Amino acid sequence: MQKIGLYLLGGLLLMGCAGGRADKKAAAPAEHQVRGLELLDESFDPASLNDPDYPIQPKSRKDASHLLSQMQQAEKADTTEQQLFGYRVQILQTEDAEEARKVQKEAILDLDAEVYLIYDNPYYKIRVGDFRTRYEAEQFLEKVLRQGYSAAWIVRTKIKASNKQP
């Protein structure tokens, strides 16, 4: 009799544990739902706000003609410095910004030409001159090599068309 009672008690315990698992499984999908969605009101319509209209006022003809003349003058100024493909002499390529600035200052003093500091990740490049032909760039390269810039070479790049070199 005691054995039967123990078997019944053990069976009830097992059934009680199994019932708890079924309840957890049923509650699991509710836990995966996003919380706070019940607070969203999707019935909002921005067109129903009745905001006051603020129309854009057109400028007067006098202002428009003044702006047009300024734009035309700017276009004329831009045509004097058109960019085209040409050549420059590159005297340095480094990752050190301080070294690039130092060499740029020296080149401005040593060389009779425009000196450009260009950052092309990760390198700083010092380029000199605006030459339309490779022949002009080669002549200038000889001068640069005589000045002590032994690592200089010619690169093809966009140049300012208005500048002239000696």
Protein backbone atom coordinates (compact mmCIF):
# COMPACT_ATOMS: atom_id res chain seq x y z
CA MET A 1 0.00 0.00 0.00
CA GLN A 2 2.80 2.34 0.78
CA LYS A 3 4.36 1.55 -2.58
CA ILE A 4 1.14 2.38 -4.40
CA GLY A 5 0.86 5.67 -2.53
CA LEU A 6 4.44 6.58 -3.43
CA TYR A 7 3.79 5.74 -7.09
CA LEU A 8 0.68 7.91 -7.10
CA LEU A 9 2.49 10.77 -5.41
CA GLY A 10 5.42 10.51 -7.87
CA GLY A 11 3.02 10.40 -10.82
CA LEU A 12 1.20 13.50 -9.61
CA LEU A 13 4.50 15.33 -9.21
CA LEU A 14 5.56 14.41 -12.75
CA MET A 15 2.22 15.49 -14.16
CA GLY A 16 2.46 18.77 -12.28
CA CYS A 17 5.93 19.47 -13.71
CA ALA A 18 4.82 18.56 -17.21
CA GLY A 19 1.83 20.88 -16.91
CA GLY A 20 4.12 23.77 -15.94
CA ARG A 21 6.20 23.20 -19.07
CA ALA A 22 3.15 23.37 -21.27
CA ASP A 23 2.20 26.70 -19.72
CA LYS A 24 5.72 28.09 -20.34
CA LYS A 25 5.59 27.03 -23.99
CA ALA A 26 2.27 28.73 -24.45
CA ALA A 27 3.63 31.93 -22.86
CA ALA A 28 6.86 31.90 -24.93
CA PRO A 29 5.49 33.61 -28.07
CA ALA A 30 4.18 36.50 -25.97
CA GLU A 31 7.71 37.10 -24.59
CA HIS A 32 9.12 37.54 -28.12
CA GLN A 33 6.70 40.30 -29.00
CA VAL A 34 8.05 43.84 -29.15
CA ARG A 35 7.03 45.77 -26.11
CA GLY A 36 5.63 49.27 -26.36
CA LEU A 37 3.75 48.78 -29.62
CA GLU A 38 0.50 49.14 -27.78
CA LEU A 39 1.48 52.79 -27.15
CA LEU A 40 1.80 53.68 -30.86
CA ASP A 41 -1.12 55.49 -32.41
CA GLU A 42 -0.96 54.82 -36.15
CA SER A 43 -4.09 56.80 -36.87
CA PHE A 44 -2.09 60.08 -36.99
CA ASP A 45 -2.39 61.98 -40.29
CA PRO A 46 0.04 64.92 -40.76
CA ALA A 47 -2.22 66.45 -43.42
CA SER A 48 -4.85 67.10 -40.77
CA LEU A 49 -2.66 69.46 -38.72
CA ASN A 50 -4.00 72.68 -40.27
CA ASP A 51 -0.61 74.42 -40.11
CA PRO A 52 -0.57 78.01 -41.36
CA ASP A 53 0.94 78.40 -44.83
CA TYR A 54 4.15 80.37 -45.16
CA PRO A 55 4.49 81.17 -48.86
CA ILE A 56 7.92 81.93 -50.29
CA GLN A 57 8.01 85.53 -51.40
CA PRO A 58 9.59 86.04 -54.83
CA LYS A 59 12.48 88.47 -54.99
CA SER A 60 12.03 91.71 -56.83
CA ARG A 61 13.25 92.06 -60.42
CA LYS A 62 15.95 94.45 -59.21
CA ASP A 63 17.38 91.82 -56.84
CA ALA A 64 17.17 89.16 -59.54
CA SER A 65 19.04 91.29 -62.09
CA HIS A 66 21.72 92.09 -59.50
CA LEU A 67 22.20 88.38 -58.72
CA LEU A 68 22.32 87.56 -62.44
CA SER A 69 25.08 90.12 -63.05
CA GLN A 70 27.07 88.69 -60.11
CA MET A 71 26.72 85.18 -61.54
CA GLN A 72 27.89 86.34 -64.97
CA GLN A 73 30.93 88.04 -63.44
CA ALA A 74 31.75 84.86 -61.50
CA GLU A 75 31.52 82.79 -64.70
CA LYS A 76 33.96 85.17 -66.43
CA ALA A 77 36.36 84.85 -63.50
CA ASP A 78 36.11 81.06 -63.55
CA THR A 79 37.03 80.85 -67.23
CA THR A 80 40.42 82.45 -66.52
CA GLU A 81 41.40 79.52 -64.31
CA GLN A 82 40.15 76.53 -66.25
CA GLN A 83 41.56 73.18 -65.36
CA LEU A 84 42.95 70.84 -67.97
CA PHE A 85 45.26 67.87 -68.00
CA GLY A 86 48.94 68.65 -67.90
CA TYR A 87 52.02 67.89 -65.84
CA ARG A 88 53.47 68.73 -62.46
CA VAL A 89 56.70 67.74 -60.77
CA GLN A 90 56.13 65.81 -57.54
CA ILE A 91 58.97 66.37 -55.11
CA LEU A 92 57.66 64.48 -52.07
CA GLN A 93 55.21 61.79 -51.02
CA THR A 94 54.94 61.09 -47.30
CA GLU A 95 52.51 60.06 -44.59
CA ASP A 96 53.92 62.72 -42.23
CA ALA A 97 51.95 65.99 -42.42
CA GLU A 98 54.64 68.03 -40.65
CA GLU A 99 57.33 66.88 -43.08
CA ALA A 100 55.05 67.74 -46.01
CA ARG A 101 54.44 71.28 -44.70
CA LYS A 102 58.16 71.79 -44.08
CA VAL A 103 59.10 70.69 -47.61
CA GLN A 104 56.29 72.83 -49.06
CA LYS A 105 57.69 75.94 -47.33
CA GLU A 106 61.20 75.15 -48.57
CA ALA A 107 59.95 74.58 -52.12
CA ILE A 108 58.10 77.90 -52.14
CA LEU A 109 61.39 79.64 -51.31
CA ASP A 110 63.64 77.51 -53.56
CA LEU A 111 61.54 77.10 -56.70
CA ASP A 112 60.02 79.75 -58.95
CA ALA A 113 56.63 78.03 -59.48
CA GLU A 114 53.29 77.26 -57.79
CA VAL A 115 53.66 74.69 -54.99
CA TYR A 116 50.69 72.48 -54.12
CA LEU A 117 50.15 70.37 -51.00
CA ILE A 118 47.76 67.55 -51.87
CA TYR A 119 46.36 65.01 -49.42
CA ASP A 120 45.55 61.69 -51.07
CA ASN A 121 44.82 59.27 -48.23
CA PRO A 122 47.18 58.20 -46.64
CA TYR A 123 49.81 60.32 -48.40
CA TYR A 124 50.69 64.00 -48.48
CA LYS A 125 52.11 64.98 -51.85
CA ILE A 126 54.04 68.11 -52.74
CA ARG A 127 53.68 68.98 -56.42
CA VAL A 128 55.18 71.94 -58.23
CA GLY A 129 54.19 73.79 -61.39
CA ASP A 130 51.48 73.76 -64.05
CA PHE A 131 52.95 72.55 -67.32
CA ARG A 132 50.96 71.93 -70.49
CA THR A 133 53.60 69.77 -72.14
CA ARG A 134 55.81 67.03 -70.81
CA TYR A 135 58.83 68.77 -72.33
CA GLU A 136 58.27 71.85 -70.12
CA ALA A 137 57.90 69.56 -67.08
CA GLU A 138 61.14 67.73 -67.93
CA GLN A 139 63.05 71.01 -68.17
CA PHE A 140 61.69 72.05 -64.78
CA LEU A 141 62.48 68.59 -63.34
CA GLU A 142 66.17 69.12 -64.20
CA LYS A 143 66.09 72.41 -62.25
CA VAL A 144 64.38 70.71 -59.29
CA LEU A 145 66.97 67.91 -59.25
CA ARG A 146 69.78 70.51 -59.24
CA GLN A 147 68.09 72.17 -56.21
CA GLY A 148 68.49 68.89 -54.25
CA TYR A 149 65.07 67.27 -54.56
CA SER A 150 66.48 63.91 -55.65
CA ALA A 151 63.21 61.96 -55.33
CA ALA A 152 61.32 64.23 -57.76
CA TRP A 153 59.38 62.87 -60.73
CA ILE A 154 56.81 64.02 -63.28
CA VAL A 155 53.10 63.26 -62.81
CA ARG A 156 50.20 63.79 -65.19
CA THR A 157 47.35 65.55 -63.42
CA LYS A 158 44.88 68.41 -63.71
CA ILE A 159 46.55 71.80 -63.83
CA LYS A 160 45.47 75.43 -63.78
CA ALA A 161 45.52 76.64 -67.37
CA SER A 162 46.05 80.32 -66.50
CA ASN A 163 49.41 79.89 -64.78
CA LYS A 164 52.57 80.17 -66.88
CA GLN A 165 55.95 78.82 -65.88
CA PRO A 166 59.32 80.46 -66.59
